[in-house]
Amino acid sequence: MATYTGKTVTEAIDNGLSDLQVNRHQSNIKVVKFPKMGMFGRVRQAAVVEIEPLSVDTDLGDTLPAETPMTADENRLLLLSSISQATAEYVKYLATEKKITLNYEIKVVPDQFFIEMSSNDE
């Protein structure tokens, strides 16, 4: 399984698919890390994906559907995941400046996200 990076998950996937010369239907894609954003929207840590090409019988290659773009719901979920991760990391960074250790858990549901933070510090 090959690993690819990009500023966004979509960019990392596109980099991998282009390098492997396959489309989404011809591969297994696993998001390893969502990008972490720094201040002012700068990418602090790139998105990481693993892509494994599927073994496809050459006779069936012509019958695979053409690559379809992500749906609006998939894009929205990806955006919410990125925003929630960036928000949690930014708050954790601010807490670190005050020498407070935070742990967080993110829950993404359609059209909203929840960040549950906890600390052993007072």
C-alpha atoms as a PDB file:
ATOM      1  CA  MET A   1       0.000   0.000   0.000  1.00  0.00           C
ATOM      2  CA  ALA A   2       1.523   3.333  -1.072  1.00  0.00           C
ATOM      3  CA  THR A   3       1.321   6.514   1.026  1.00  0.00           C
ATOM      4  CA  TYR A   4       0.613   9.948  -0.461  1.00  0.00           C
ATOM      5  CA  THR A   5       0.359  13.445   1.006  1.00  0.00           C
ATOM      6  CA  GLY A   6      -1.267  16.730   0.077  1.00  0.00           C
ATOM      7  CA  LYS A   7      -2.557  19.976   1.551  1.00  0.00           C
ATOM      8  CA  THR A   8      -6.036  18.425   1.564  1.00  0.00           C
ATOM      9  CA  VAL A   9      -7.298  14.855   1.570  1.00  0.00           C
ATOM     10  CA  THR A  10      -8.587  15.346  -1.982  1.00  0.00           C
ATOM     11  CA  GLU A  11      -5.177  16.564  -3.139  1.00  0.00           C
ATOM     12  CA  ALA A  12      -3.431  13.593  -1.497  1.00  0.00           C
ATOM     13  CA  ILE A  13      -5.867  11.176  -3.152  1.00  0.00           C
ATOM     14  CA  ASP A  14      -5.449  12.858  -6.539  1.00  0.00           C
ATOM     15  CA  ASN A  15      -1.638  12.681  -6.168  1.00  0.00           C
ATOM     16  CA  GLY A  16      -1.820   8.959  -5.436  1.00  0.00           C
ATOM     17  CA  LEU A  17      -4.304   8.115  -8.168  1.00  0.00           C
ATOM     18  CA  SER A  18      -2.252  10.052 -10.684  1.00  0.00           C
ATOM     19  CA  ASP A  19       0.982   8.361  -9.606  1.00  0.00           C
ATOM     20  CA  LEU A  20      -0.562   4.874  -9.660  1.00  0.00           C
ATOM     21  CA  GLN A  21      -2.509   5.641 -12.861  1.00  0.00           C
ATOM     22  CA  VAL A  22      -5.777   4.259 -11.488  1.00  0.00           C
ATOM     23  CA  ASN A  23      -9.144   5.792 -10.642  1.00  0.00           C
ATOM     24  CA  ARG A  24     -11.125   5.633  -7.397  1.00  0.00           C
ATOM     25  CA  HIS A  25     -12.999   2.518  -8.512  1.00  0.00           C
ATOM     26  CA  GLN A  26      -9.737   0.680  -9.116  1.00  0.00           C
ATOM     27  CA  SER A  27      -8.266   1.288  -5.672  1.00  0.00           C
ATOM     28  CA  ASN A  28      -8.756   1.050  -1.924  1.00  0.00           C
ATOM     29  CA  ILE A  29      -8.237   4.437  -0.273  1.00  0.00           C
ATOM     30  CA  LYS A  30      -7.662   4.916   3.446  1.00  0.00           C
ATOM     31  CA  VAL A  31      -7.305   8.346   5.050  1.00  0.00           C
ATOM     32  CA  VAL A  32      -4.469   8.050   7.575  1.00  0.00           C
ATOM     33  CA  LYS A  33      -4.378  11.685   8.746  1.00  0.00           C
ATOM     34  CA  PHE A  34      -6.507  14.701   8.055  1.00  0.00           C
ATOM     35  CA  PRO A  35      -4.556  17.907   7.463  1.00  0.00           C
ATOM     36  CA  LYS A  36      -3.867  20.081  10.473  1.00  0.00           C
ATOM     37  CA  MET A  37      -4.211  23.764   9.914  1.00  0.00           C
ATOM     38  CA  GLY A  38      -2.135  26.400  11.633  1.00  0.00           C
ATOM     39  CA  MET A  39      -2.882  30.025  12.163  1.00  0.00           C
ATOM     40  CA  PHE A  40      -4.263  31.991   9.212  1.00  0.00           C
ATOM     41  CA  GLY A  41      -5.225  28.811   7.372  1.00  0.00           C
ATOM     42  CA  ARG A  42      -1.687  27.606   6.729  1.00  0.00           C
ATOM     43  CA  VAL A  43      -1.235  23.863   6.475  1.00  0.00           C
ATOM     44  CA  ARG A  44       0.765  22.754   9.505  1.00  0.00           C
ATOM     45  CA  GLN A  45       0.579  19.051   8.784  1.00  0.00           C
ATOM     46  CA  ALA A  46      -0.306  17.553   5.429  1.00  0.00           C
ATOM     47  CA  ALA A  47      -3.097  15.067   4.799  1.00  0.00           C
ATOM     48  CA  VAL A  48      -1.891  11.477   4.454  1.00  0.00           C
ATOM     49  CA  VAL A  49      -3.681   8.721   2.547  1.00  0.00           C
ATOM     50  CA  GLU A  50      -2.822   5.135   1.709  1.00  0.00           C
ATOM     51  CA  ILE A  51      -3.850   3.840  -1.695  1.00  0.00           C
ATOM     52  CA  GLU A  52      -3.793   0.238  -2.802  1.00  0.00           C
ATOM     53  CA  PRO A  53      -4.601  -0.547  -6.435  1.00  0.00           C
ATOM     54  CA  LEU A  54      -7.107  -3.347  -6.877  1.00  0.00           C
ATOM     55  CA  SER A  55      -6.171  -6.206  -9.147  1.00  0.00           C
ATOM     56  CA  VAL A  56      -8.523  -5.878 -12.094  1.00  0.00           C
ATOM     57  CA  ASP A  57      -9.000  -8.487 -14.786  1.00  0.00           C
ATOM     58  CA  THR A  58      -8.080  -6.863 -18.100  1.00  0.00           C
ATOM     59  CA  ASP A  59     -11.305  -8.124 -19.685  1.00  0.00           C
ATOM     60  CA  LEU A  60     -13.321  -6.258 -17.068  1.00  0.00           C
ATOM     61  CA  GLY A  61     -11.312  -3.041 -17.298  1.00  0.00           C
ATOM     62  CA  ASP A  62     -13.589  -1.541 -19.928  1.00  0.00           C
ATOM     63  CA  THR A  63     -16.723  -2.222 -17.891  1.00  0.00           C
ATOM     64  CA  LEU A  64     -15.687  -0.217 -14.827  1.00  0.00           C
ATOM     65  CA  PRO A  65     -17.718   2.937 -14.361  1.00  0.00           C
ATOM     66  CA  ALA A  66     -16.011   6.225 -15.075  1.00  0.00           C
ATOM     67  CA  GLU A  67     -14.606   8.020 -12.044  1.00  0.00           C
ATOM     68  CA  THR A  68     -17.318  10.061 -10.402  1.00  0.00           C
ATOM     69  CA  PRO A  69     -16.593  13.265  -8.523  1.00  0.00           C
ATOM     70  CA  MET A  70     -17.296  13.440  -4.806  1.00  0.00           C
ATOM     71  CA  THR A  71     -20.899  14.202  -3.960  1.00  0.00           C
ATOM     72  CA  ALA A  72     -21.902  17.369  -2.137  1.00  0.00           C
ATOM     73  CA  ASP A  73     -22.478  15.333   1.034  1.00  0.00           C
ATOM     74  CA  GLU A  74     -19.012  13.765   0.797  1.00  0.00           C
ATOM     75  CA  ASN A  75     -17.451  17.190   0.252  1.00  0.00           C
ATOM     76  CA  ARG A  76     -19.394  18.636   3.198  1.00  0.00           C
ATOM     77  CA  LEU A  77     -18.323  15.779   5.483  1.00  0.00           C
ATOM     78  CA  LEU A  78     -14.702  16.151   4.405  1.00  0.00           C
ATOM     79  CA  LEU A  79     -14.834  19.909   4.999  1.00  0.00           C
ATOM     80  CA  LEU A  80     -16.447  19.456   8.432  1.00  0.00           C
ATOM     81  CA  SER A  81     -13.803  16.909   9.378  1.00  0.00           C
ATOM     82  CA  SER A  82     -11.011  19.266   8.338  1.00  0.00           C
ATOM     83  CA  ILE A  83     -12.534  22.261  10.111  1.00  0.00           C
ATOM     84  CA  SER A  84     -13.201  20.324  13.307  1.00  0.00           C
ATOM     85  CA  GLN A  85      -9.646  18.943  13.355  1.00  0.00           C
ATOM     86  CA  ALA A  86      -8.166  22.399  12.760  1.00  0.00           C
ATOM     87  CA  THR A  87     -10.377  23.951  15.456  1.00  0.00           C
ATOM     88  CA  ALA A  88      -9.464  21.317  18.038  1.00  0.00           C
ATOM     89  CA  GLU A  89      -5.755  21.582  17.256  1.00  0.00           C
ATOM     90  CA  TYR A  90      -5.872  25.381  17.511  1.00  0.00           C
ATOM     91  CA  VAL A  91      -7.591  25.290  20.923  1.00  0.00           C
ATOM     92  CA  LYS A  92      -5.090  22.638  22.051  1.00  0.00           C
ATOM     93  CA  TYR A  93      -2.258  24.908  20.882  1.00  0.00           C
ATOM     94  CA  LEU A  94      -3.692  27.846  22.836  1.00  0.00           C
ATOM     95  CA  ALA A  95      -3.992  25.672  25.951  1.00  0.00           C
ATOM     96  CA  THR A  96      -0.398  24.501  25.527  1.00  0.00           C
ATOM     97  CA  GLU A  97       0.709  28.140  25.613  1.00  0.00           C
ATOM     98  CA  LYS A  98      -0.843  28.302  29.103  1.00  0.00           C
ATOM     99  CA  LYS A  99       0.819  24.968  29.986  1.00  0.00           C
ATOM    100  CA  ILE A 100      -2.511  23.120  30.019  1.00  0.00           C
ATOM    101  CA  THR A 101      -2.656  19.625  28.565  1.00  0.00           C
ATOM    102  CA  LEU A 102      -5.843  18.899  26.650  1.00  0.00           C
ATOM    103  CA  ASN A 103      -7.223  15.751  25.094  1.00  0.00           C
ATOM    104  CA  TYR A 104     -10.058  15.873  22.616  1.00  0.00           C
ATOM    105  CA  GLU A 105     -12.457  13.692  20.728  1.00  0.00           C
ATOM    106  CA  ILE A 106     -14.238  14.864  17.594  1.00  0.00           C
ATOM    107  CA  LYS A 107     -17.659  13.640  16.519  1.00  0.00           C
ATOM    108  CA  VAL A 108     -18.834  14.662  13.054  1.00  0.00           C
ATOM    109  CA  VAL A 109     -22.513  14.296  12.193  1.00  0.00           C
ATOM    110  CA  PRO A 110     -24.298  15.677   9.148  1.00  0.00           C
ATOM    111  CA  ASP A 111     -23.895  19.465   9.022  1.00  0.00           C
ATOM    112  CA  GLN A 112     -22.225  19.821  12.442  1.00  0.00           C
ATOM    113  CA  PHE A 113     -19.389  18.635  14.608  1.00  0.00           C
ATOM    114  CA  PHE A 114     -18.759  18.301  18.327  1.00  0.00           C
ATOM    115  CA  ILE A 115     -15.399  18.572  20.064  1.00  0.00           C
ATOM    116  CA  GLU A 116     -15.264  17.080  23.529  1.00  0.00           C
ATOM    117  CA  MET A 117     -12.185  18.310  25.405  1.00  0.00           C
ATOM    118  CA  SER A 118     -10.860  17.120  28.731  1.00  0.00           C
ATOM    119  CA  SER A 119      -7.904  17.940  30.945  1.00  0.00           C
ATOM    120  CA  ASN A 120      -6.442  16.803  34.235  1.00  0.00           C
ATOM    121  CA  ASP A 121      -5.246  20.358  34.859  1.00  0.00           C
ATOM    122  CA  GLU A 122      -7.354  22.698  36.950  1.00  0.00           C
END
